[in-house]
Structures are given as structure tokens and as C-alpha cells.
Amino acid sequence: MRLRVRDRWQETDRIFTTEFGAPLHPDTLSSWFSAFVKAHSDKLPPISLHSLRHTNATLMIASGVPITTVSKRLGHADTTTTGKIYAHAIRSADEAAAETLENILVPTLNRNAG
């Protein structure tokens, strides 16, 4: 689009913009996404953009991404905020880490169990 509109392009750091590069109003994207999900309700669950944000954060935590990195990517000013919101994911990741450590330290117990 930038090449097409040339000098009328407005440079921003946004991913979603108007046809001239200006920031897109958040409601525009939310409305579009909601309509898209509704139009494809036979293939998609009823989700919102905010649901995708939570899924993204939860997947990062479950994959072992440091909470400081997750917090920064979410735009939280403090990791405490991230910790409170995603406590369930942190607990699950901690349980998985404990199980992994147990498998490393006591491999014979887990081999005999199967």
C-alpha cells in the first residue's frame, strides 16, 4: 500500500493501519474479527481478539518463556500483573517442570511404571 499511495502514506509502528498507514481504530479490527468469526462459526469457536491474547500468553508460559519476556510482550508495566492474570498457566508450567526434573533424577521409577 505504501508504494501505491506514495507521499500520502503515514508512517507508524502499527501492524494494522488504514489504507494510508494511519493507525486503525481498535474497534475497527475488533468488529472485523467478530464478523469473521461469526461468518465462519461452523469452523471456529466463539473467540475474541482478547481471547487470542490470553492464548498467546498461556502458550508462551507453557513453553517455558520467562515471565519477564511474556510480561514485556503483553505490555504489562510489572511482572506482578502478568503473574496474577496467568497464575493458572504458571502453576501448570511449574508442575510440568517438576515432572521433568523427576524424570531426570529418578528415571528408573518412571520406566518401571509403564
Foldseek 3Di string as FASTA:
>chain_A
DCVVVPPQADDDPDPDDDPRPHRDPPVVVQVVVQVVCVVVVVPHPNDTVVNVLVVVLLVCLLVPNDLVVSCVVSVHPDSVVVCVVCVVSNVVSVVVVVVVVCCVVPVVVVVVVD
